[in-house]
């Protein structure tokens, strides 16, 4: 990965129901030049766990990390890419953890 200062990530819950949720993590390039290759990392404090994801390669089982796919690895200046996921609350409430990007 090259030149990834200036990336920020936002965790967004897009839907939730008693036992589960869906969401996206938005990776935004806040810098002045394109960034190539990104990784987002997060951890749930409670019992939430992912069951499925799309538009990224997600690894781990809390903490999690996600890396770009070939087609969404370059983020232009001022642009964003998103990847999505589905998860279970496992008896807890839906969380929105902090996400770090690099």
C-alpha atoms as a PDB file:
ATOM      1  CA  UNK A   1       0.000   0.000   0.000  1.00  0.00           C
ATOM      2  CA  UNK A   2       1.217   3.441  -0.795  1.00  0.00           C
ATOM      3  CA  UNK A   3       0.541   6.932   0.516  1.00  0.00           C
ATOM      4  CA  UNK A   4      -2.478   6.345   2.744  1.00  0.00           C
ATOM      5  CA  UNK A   5      -2.317   9.335   5.076  1.00  0.00           C
ATOM      6  CA  UNK A   6      -5.592  11.216   4.735  1.00  0.00           C
ATOM      7  CA  UNK A   7      -8.006   8.284   4.836  1.00  0.00           C
ATOM      8  CA  UNK A   8     -10.942   8.288   7.232  1.00  0.00           C
ATOM      9  CA  UNK A   9     -13.564   5.624   7.907  1.00  0.00           C
ATOM     10  CA  UNK A  10     -17.164   5.889   9.040  1.00  0.00           C
ATOM     11  CA  UNK A  11     -19.255   2.972  10.375  1.00  0.00           C
ATOM     12  CA  UNK A  12     -22.932   3.308   9.390  1.00  0.00           C
ATOM     13  CA  UNK A  13     -25.759   1.001  10.525  1.00  0.00           C
ATOM     14  CA  UNK A  14     -28.119   0.790   7.529  1.00  0.00           C
ATOM     15  CA  UNK A  15     -30.768  -1.505   9.027  1.00  0.00           C
ATOM     16  CA  UNK A  16     -31.385  -3.311  12.301  1.00  0.00           C
ATOM     17  CA  UNK A  17     -33.893  -5.730  13.728  1.00  0.00           C
ATOM     18  CA  UNK A  18     -34.056  -7.635  17.003  1.00  0.00           C
ATOM     19  CA  UNK A  19     -31.378 -10.214  16.279  1.00  0.00           C
ATOM     20  CA  UNK A  20     -29.332  -8.649  13.497  1.00  0.00           C
ATOM     21  CA  UNK A  21     -28.161  -5.680  11.498  1.00  0.00           C
ATOM     22  CA  UNK A  22     -26.643  -4.537   8.223  1.00  0.00           C
ATOM     23  CA  UNK A  23     -24.197  -1.728   7.716  1.00  0.00           C
ATOM     24  CA  UNK A  24     -21.460  -0.195   5.646  1.00  0.00           C
ATOM     25  CA  UNK A  25     -18.049   1.225   6.323  1.00  0.00           C
ATOM     26  CA  UNK A  26     -17.296   4.236   4.168  1.00  0.00           C
ATOM     27  CA  UNK A  27     -13.619   4.827   3.377  1.00  0.00           C
ATOM     28  CA  UNK A  28     -13.053   8.480   2.433  1.00  0.00           C
ATOM     29  CA  UNK A  29      -9.942  10.057   0.979  1.00  0.00           C
ATOM     30  CA  UNK A  30      -9.536  13.406   2.745  1.00  0.00           C
ATOM     31  CA  UNK A  31      -6.199  14.092   1.046  1.00  0.00           C
ATOM     32  CA  UNK A  32      -5.279  15.969  -2.107  1.00  0.00           C
ATOM     33  CA  UNK A  33      -4.145  12.969  -4.184  1.00  0.00           C
ATOM     34  CA  UNK A  34      -5.456   9.484  -4.949  1.00  0.00           C
ATOM     35  CA  UNK A  35      -4.778   6.706  -2.425  1.00  0.00           C
ATOM     36  CA  UNK A  36      -4.105   3.147  -3.531  1.00  0.00           C
ATOM     37  CA  UNK A  37      -4.926   0.263  -1.196  1.00  0.00           C
ATOM     38  CA  UNK A  38      -6.785   0.602   2.089  1.00  0.00           C
ATOM     39  CA  UNK A  39      -7.473  -1.353   5.276  1.00  0.00           C
ATOM     40  CA  UNK A  40     -10.244  -0.683   7.791  1.00  0.00           C
ATOM     41  CA  UNK A  41     -10.090  -2.154  11.314  1.00  0.00           C
ATOM     42  CA  UNK A  42     -12.687  -2.277  14.089  1.00  0.00           C
ATOM     43  CA  UNK A  43     -13.796  -4.228  17.149  1.00  0.00           C
ATOM     44  CA  UNK A  44     -17.188  -4.622  18.779  1.00  0.00           C
ATOM     45  CA  UNK A  45     -17.226  -3.969  22.531  1.00  0.00           C
ATOM     46  CA  UNK A  46     -20.239  -6.232  23.084  1.00  0.00           C
ATOM     47  CA  UNK A  47     -21.684  -9.346  21.470  1.00  0.00           C
ATOM     48  CA  UNK A  48     -22.154  -8.146  17.863  1.00  0.00           C
ATOM     49  CA  UNK A  49     -20.458 -10.380  15.262  1.00  0.00           C
ATOM     50  CA  UNK A  50     -20.380 -10.333  11.453  1.00  0.00           C
ATOM     51  CA  UNK A  51     -21.978 -13.148   9.465  1.00  0.00           C
ATOM     52  CA  UNK A  52     -21.451 -11.910   5.897  1.00  0.00           C
ATOM     53  CA  UNK A  53     -19.708  -9.127   3.966  1.00  0.00           C
ATOM     54  CA  UNK A  54     -19.372  -7.796   0.435  1.00  0.00           C
ATOM     55  CA  UNK A  55     -17.104  -5.489  -1.601  1.00  0.00           C
ATOM     56  CA  UNK A  56     -14.070  -6.136   0.670  1.00  0.00           C
ATOM     57  CA  UNK A  57     -12.030  -9.030   2.019  1.00  0.00           C
ATOM     58  CA  UNK A  58     -12.927  -9.224   5.725  1.00  0.00           C
ATOM     59  CA  UNK A  59     -10.752 -11.206   8.130  1.00  0.00           C
ATOM     60  CA  UNK A  60     -10.877 -11.872  11.862  1.00  0.00           C
ATOM     61  CA  UNK A  61     -13.600 -12.623  14.348  1.00  0.00           C
ATOM     62  CA  UNK A  62     -13.510  -9.498  16.563  1.00  0.00           C
ATOM     63  CA  UNK A  63     -11.352  -7.588  16.003  1.00  0.00           C
ATOM     64  CA  UNK A  64     -11.995  -7.438  12.261  1.00  0.00           C
ATOM     65  CA  UNK A  65     -10.003  -5.999   9.389  1.00  0.00           C
ATOM     66  CA  UNK A  66     -11.151  -5.381   5.835  1.00  0.00           C
ATOM     67  CA  UNK A  67      -9.021  -4.774   2.769  1.00  0.00           C
ATOM     68  CA  UNK A  68      -9.981  -3.514  -0.654  1.00  0.00           C
ATOM     69  CA  UNK A  69     -10.707  -5.703  -3.643  1.00  0.00           C
ATOM     70  CA  UNK A  70      -8.909  -5.120  -6.932  1.00  0.00           C
ATOM     71  CA  UNK A  71     -11.613  -2.906  -8.389  1.00  0.00           C
ATOM     72  CA  UNK A  72     -12.133  -0.589  -5.357  1.00  0.00           C
ATOM     73  CA  UNK A  73      -8.569  -0.140  -4.096  1.00  0.00           C
ATOM     74  CA  UNK A  74      -7.935   3.324  -5.525  1.00  0.00           C
ATOM     75  CA  UNK A  75      -9.805   6.190  -3.873  1.00  0.00           C
ATOM     76  CA  UNK A  76      -9.582   9.549  -5.617  1.00  0.00           C
ATOM     77  CA  UNK A  77      -9.051  12.798  -3.715  1.00  0.00           C
ATOM     78  CA  UNK A  78     -12.323  13.740  -2.000  1.00  0.00           C
ATOM     79  CA  UNK A  79     -13.954  10.433  -3.014  1.00  0.00           C
ATOM     80  CA  UNK A  80     -15.297   7.479  -0.994  1.00  0.00           C
ATOM     81  CA  UNK A  81     -15.778   3.748  -1.380  1.00  0.00           C
ATOM     82  CA  UNK A  82     -18.000   1.536   0.757  1.00  0.00           C
ATOM     83  CA  UNK A  83     -18.193  -2.105   1.713  1.00  0.00           C
ATOM     84  CA  UNK A  84     -21.094  -3.776   3.428  1.00  0.00           C
ATOM     85  CA  UNK A  85     -21.780  -6.437   6.009  1.00  0.00           C
ATOM     86  CA  UNK A  86     -24.479  -8.281   7.921  1.00  0.00           C
ATOM     87  CA  UNK A  87     -24.234  -9.422  11.509  1.00  0.00           C
ATOM     88  CA  UNK A  88     -25.945 -10.857  14.565  1.00  0.00           C
ATOM     89  CA  UNK A  89     -26.445  -8.978  17.821  1.00  0.00           C
ATOM     90  CA  UNK A  90     -26.227 -12.250  19.823  1.00  0.00           C
ATOM     91  CA  UNK A  91     -28.572 -10.862  22.474  1.00  0.00           C
ATOM     92  CA  UNK A  92     -26.966  -7.420  22.658  1.00  0.00           C
ATOM     93  CA  UNK A  93     -27.913  -4.117  21.097  1.00  0.00           C
ATOM     94  CA  UNK A  94     -26.629  -2.895  17.734  1.00  0.00           C
ATOM     95  CA  UNK A  95     -23.208  -1.275  18.039  1.00  0.00           C
ATOM     96  CA  UNK A  96     -21.430   1.338  15.947  1.00  0.00           C
ATOM     97  CA  UNK A  97     -17.734   0.936  16.832  1.00  0.00           C
ATOM     98  CA  UNK A  98     -14.922   3.289  15.943  1.00  0.00           C
ATOM     99  CA  UNK A  99     -13.073   2.311  12.753  1.00  0.00           C
ATOM    100  CA  UNK A 100      -9.446   3.043  11.938  1.00  0.00           C
ATOM    101  CA  UNK A 101      -8.200   3.358   8.359  1.00  0.00           C
ATOM    102  CA  UNK A 102      -4.843   3.091   6.750  1.00  0.00           C
END
